[in-house]
Structures are given as C-alpha cells and as structure tokens.
C-alpha cells in the first residue's frame, strides 16, 4: 500500500519538477535571445584594441553562461520527464504482473 502511494508521489513530483524546470528553461531561453539581440544591436565604439578584446570576452562569457543555464534546465526537465514516464510504466506493468500471478 505505501509503495503505491510513494510511487504516485514520485511520479507527480517528477512531472511537476519537469514542468517547473521546463518553464525556467523557456524563460532563460528568452533571456538569452534578448541578451544576444542587445549585444548585436549595440556595437562597441572604441579605438582601443585592448578594450575591444575585453568587451568581446565579457560578451562571450555572458552569452555562454546564459546559454549554459538554459540547457542545464532543459536537460533537467527532459530527465525528470523521462523518469516520471519510466516510473509510471514500471508501476503499470507491475500491476499487470500482479494480476496475472493471482489468476
């Protein structure tokens, strides 16, 4: 009895965690696109080569970290969704297996 309740809770937690992670990932994706668009529309205006190199490095770092955070949350959402599906399938097949053993 407690195993069924725990499995149901685990499935619901995995699905809700997947939904939250996917939502955060979508928001971070939009933020990443906004950052990239802002950097593309505002070119650097300086003659100093060192300043240009530092600015390019900082822009690359900001875009890279934003993209990294986006994909980390996206992969977490995918993993949690697949975990929930796996748990659900195991629970369904375990019930069918118990019914066939009883008959």
C-alpha atoms as a PDB file:
ATOM      1  CA  UNK A   1       0.000   0.000   0.000  1.00  0.00           C
ATOM      2  CA  UNK A   2       2.708   2.519   0.918  1.00  0.00           C
ATOM      3  CA  UNK A   3       4.727   1.584  -2.165  1.00  0.00           C
ATOM      4  CA  UNK A   4       1.845   2.612  -4.442  1.00  0.00           C
ATOM      5  CA  UNK A   5       1.459   5.925  -2.619  1.00  0.00           C
ATOM      6  CA  UNK A   6       5.208   6.548  -2.785  1.00  0.00           C
ATOM      7  CA  UNK A   7       5.302   5.674  -6.496  1.00  0.00           C
ATOM      8  CA  UNK A   8       2.388   8.045  -7.176  1.00  0.00           C
ATOM      9  CA  UNK A   9       4.055  10.818  -5.214  1.00  0.00           C
ATOM     10  CA  UNK A  10       7.315  10.221  -7.046  1.00  0.00           C
ATOM     11  CA  UNK A  11       5.565  10.364 -10.414  1.00  0.00           C
ATOM     12  CA  UNK A  12       3.755  13.589  -9.513  1.00  0.00           C
ATOM     13  CA  UNK A  13       6.934  15.137  -8.134  1.00  0.00           C
ATOM     14  CA  UNK A  14       8.873  14.196 -11.242  1.00  0.00           C
ATOM     15  CA  UNK A  15       6.210  15.622 -13.556  1.00  0.00           C
ATOM     16  CA  UNK A  16       5.897  18.835 -11.535  1.00  0.00           C
ATOM     17  CA  UNK A  17       9.674  19.199 -11.341  1.00  0.00           C
ATOM     18  CA  UNK A  18       9.891  18.662 -15.072  1.00  0.00           C
ATOM     19  CA  UNK A  19       7.239  21.313 -15.670  1.00  0.00           C
ATOM     20  CA  UNK A  20       8.978  23.839 -13.421  1.00  0.00           C
ATOM     21  CA  UNK A  21      12.371  23.154 -14.968  1.00  0.00           C
ATOM     22  CA  UNK A  22      10.938  23.470 -18.476  1.00  0.00           C
ATOM     23  CA  UNK A  23       9.325  26.780 -17.538  1.00  0.00           C
ATOM     24  CA  UNK A  24      12.589  28.138 -16.150  1.00  0.00           C
ATOM     25  CA  UNK A  25      14.382  26.880 -19.248  1.00  0.00           C
ATOM     26  CA  UNK A  26      11.922  28.682 -21.523  1.00  0.00           C
ATOM     27  CA  UNK A  27      12.335  31.916 -19.567  1.00  0.00           C
ATOM     28  CA  UNK A  28      16.123  31.609 -19.689  1.00  0.00           C
ATOM     29  CA  UNK A  29      15.943  30.914 -23.437  1.00  0.00           C
ATOM     30  CA  UNK A  30      14.011  34.141 -23.975  1.00  0.00           C
ATOM     31  CA  UNK A  31      16.507  35.989 -21.779  1.00  0.00           C
ATOM     32  CA  UNK A  32      19.395  34.535 -23.792  1.00  0.00           C
ATOM     33  CA  UNK A  33      17.819  35.677 -27.054  1.00  0.00           C
ATOM     34  CA  UNK A  34      17.263  39.130 -25.575  1.00  0.00           C
ATOM     35  CA  UNK A  35      20.896  39.350 -24.442  1.00  0.00           C
ATOM     36  CA  UNK A  36      22.182  38.272 -27.844  1.00  0.00           C
ATOM     37  CA  UNK A  37      19.918  40.746 -29.636  1.00  0.00           C
ATOM     38  CA  UNK A  38      21.010  43.574 -27.346  1.00  0.00           C
ATOM     39  CA  UNK A  39      24.683  42.807 -27.903  1.00  0.00           C
ATOM     40  CA  UNK A  40      24.159  42.601 -31.671  1.00  0.00           C
ATOM     41  CA  UNK A  41      22.327  45.937 -31.823  1.00  0.00           C
ATOM     42  CA  UNK A  42      24.866  47.841 -29.707  1.00  0.00           C
ATOM     43  CA  UNK A  43      28.295  47.637 -31.317  1.00  0.00           C
ATOM     44  CA  UNK A  44      31.364  48.685 -29.392  1.00  0.00           C
ATOM     45  CA  UNK A  45      32.598  52.152 -30.206  1.00  0.00           C
ATOM     46  CA  UNK A  46      36.211  52.498 -29.219  1.00  0.00           C
ATOM     47  CA  UNK A  47      39.574  52.591 -30.934  1.00  0.00           C
ATOM     48  CA  UNK A  48      41.386  50.840 -28.109  1.00  0.00           C
ATOM     49  CA  UNK A  49      42.131  47.260 -29.129  1.00  0.00           C
ATOM     50  CA  UNK A  50      42.529  46.068 -25.530  1.00  0.00           C
ATOM     51  CA  UNK A  51      39.105  47.422 -24.595  1.00  0.00           C
ATOM     52  CA  UNK A  52      37.579  45.713 -27.636  1.00  0.00           C
ATOM     53  CA  UNK A  53      39.166  42.398 -26.681  1.00  0.00           C
ATOM     54  CA  UNK A  54      37.982  42.633 -23.077  1.00  0.00           C
ATOM     55  CA  UNK A  55      34.469  43.646 -24.135  1.00  0.00           C
ATOM     56  CA  UNK A  56      34.268  40.786 -26.631  1.00  0.00           C
ATOM     57  CA  UNK A  57      35.428  38.346 -23.955  1.00  0.00           C
ATOM     58  CA  UNK A  58      32.864  39.632 -21.442  1.00  0.00           C
ATOM     59  CA  UNK A  59      30.058  39.481 -24.009  1.00  0.00           C
ATOM     60  CA  UNK A  60      31.032  35.941 -24.958  1.00  0.00           C
ATOM     61  CA  UNK A  61      31.129  34.936 -21.296  1.00  0.00           C
ATOM     62  CA  UNK A  62      27.696  36.421 -20.573  1.00  0.00           C
ATOM     63  CA  UNK A  63      26.112  34.762 -23.613  1.00  0.00           C
ATOM     64  CA  UNK A  64      27.805  31.458 -22.832  1.00  0.00           C
ATOM     65  CA  UNK A  65      26.685  31.390 -19.201  1.00  0.00           C
ATOM     66  CA  UNK A  66      23.155  32.286 -20.199  1.00  0.00           C
ATOM     67  CA  UNK A  67      23.063  29.510 -22.805  1.00  0.00           C
ATOM     68  CA  UNK A  68      24.599  27.055 -20.334  1.00  0.00           C
ATOM     69  CA  UNK A  69      21.946  27.789 -17.711  1.00  0.00           C
ATOM     70  CA  UNK A  70      19.237  27.394 -20.357  1.00  0.00           C
ATOM     71  CA  UNK A  71      20.453  23.979 -21.449  1.00  0.00           C
ATOM     72  CA  UNK A  72      21.052  22.744 -17.895  1.00  0.00           C
ATOM     73  CA  UNK A  73      17.424  23.422 -17.006  1.00  0.00           C
ATOM     74  CA  UNK A  74      16.231  21.973 -20.333  1.00  0.00           C
ATOM     75  CA  UNK A  75      18.135  18.719 -19.789  1.00  0.00           C
ATOM     76  CA  UNK A  76      16.892  18.543 -16.196  1.00  0.00           C
ATOM     77  CA  UNK A  77      13.329  18.917 -17.468  1.00  0.00           C
ATOM     78  CA  UNK A  78      13.864  16.187 -20.033  1.00  0.00           C
ATOM     79  CA  UNK A  79      15.441  13.866 -17.466  1.00  0.00           C
ATOM     80  CA  UNK A  80      12.671  14.373 -14.916  1.00  0.00           C
ATOM     81  CA  UNK A  81      10.013  13.821 -17.570  1.00  0.00           C
ATOM     82  CA  UNK A  82      11.652  10.575 -18.668  1.00  0.00           C
ATOM     83  CA  UNK A  83      11.997   9.485 -15.027  1.00  0.00           C
ATOM     84  CA  UNK A  84       8.293  10.079 -14.472  1.00  0.00           C
ATOM     85  CA  UNK A  85       7.434   8.079 -17.592  1.00  0.00           C
ATOM     86  CA  UNK A  86       9.714   5.236 -16.557  1.00  0.00           C
ATOM     87  CA  UNK A  87       8.222   5.133 -13.071  1.00  0.00           C
ATOM     88  CA  UNK A  88       4.700   5.227 -14.494  1.00  0.00           C
ATOM     89  CA  UNK A  89       5.412   2.390 -16.933  1.00  0.00           C
ATOM     90  CA  UNK A  90       7.001   0.267 -14.208  1.00  0.00           C
ATOM     91  CA  UNK A  91       4.016   0.876 -11.942  1.00  0.00           C
ATOM     92  CA  UNK A  92       1.543  -0.080 -14.691  1.00  0.00           C
ATOM     93  CA  UNK A  93       3.443  -3.235 -15.668  1.00  0.00           C
ATOM     94  CA  UNK A  94       3.865  -4.223 -12.016  1.00  0.00           C
ATOM     95  CA  UNK A  95       0.092  -4.095 -11.557  1.00  0.00           C
ATOM     96  CA  UNK A  96      -0.480  -6.196 -14.672  1.00  0.00           C
ATOM     97  CA  UNK A  97       2.128  -8.689 -13.488  1.00  0.00           C
ATOM     98  CA  UNK A  98       0.464  -8.990 -10.073  1.00  0.00           C
ATOM     99  CA  UNK A  99      -2.947  -9.590 -11.673  1.00  0.00           C
ATOM    100  CA  UNK A 100      -1.613 -12.363 -13.914  1.00  0.00           C
ATOM    101  CA  UNK A 101       0.117 -14.074 -10.972  1.00  0.00           C
ATOM    102  CA  UNK A 102      -3.126 -14.076  -8.946  1.00  0.00           C
ATOM    103  CA  UNK A 103      -5.110 -15.707 -11.802  1.00  0.00           C
END
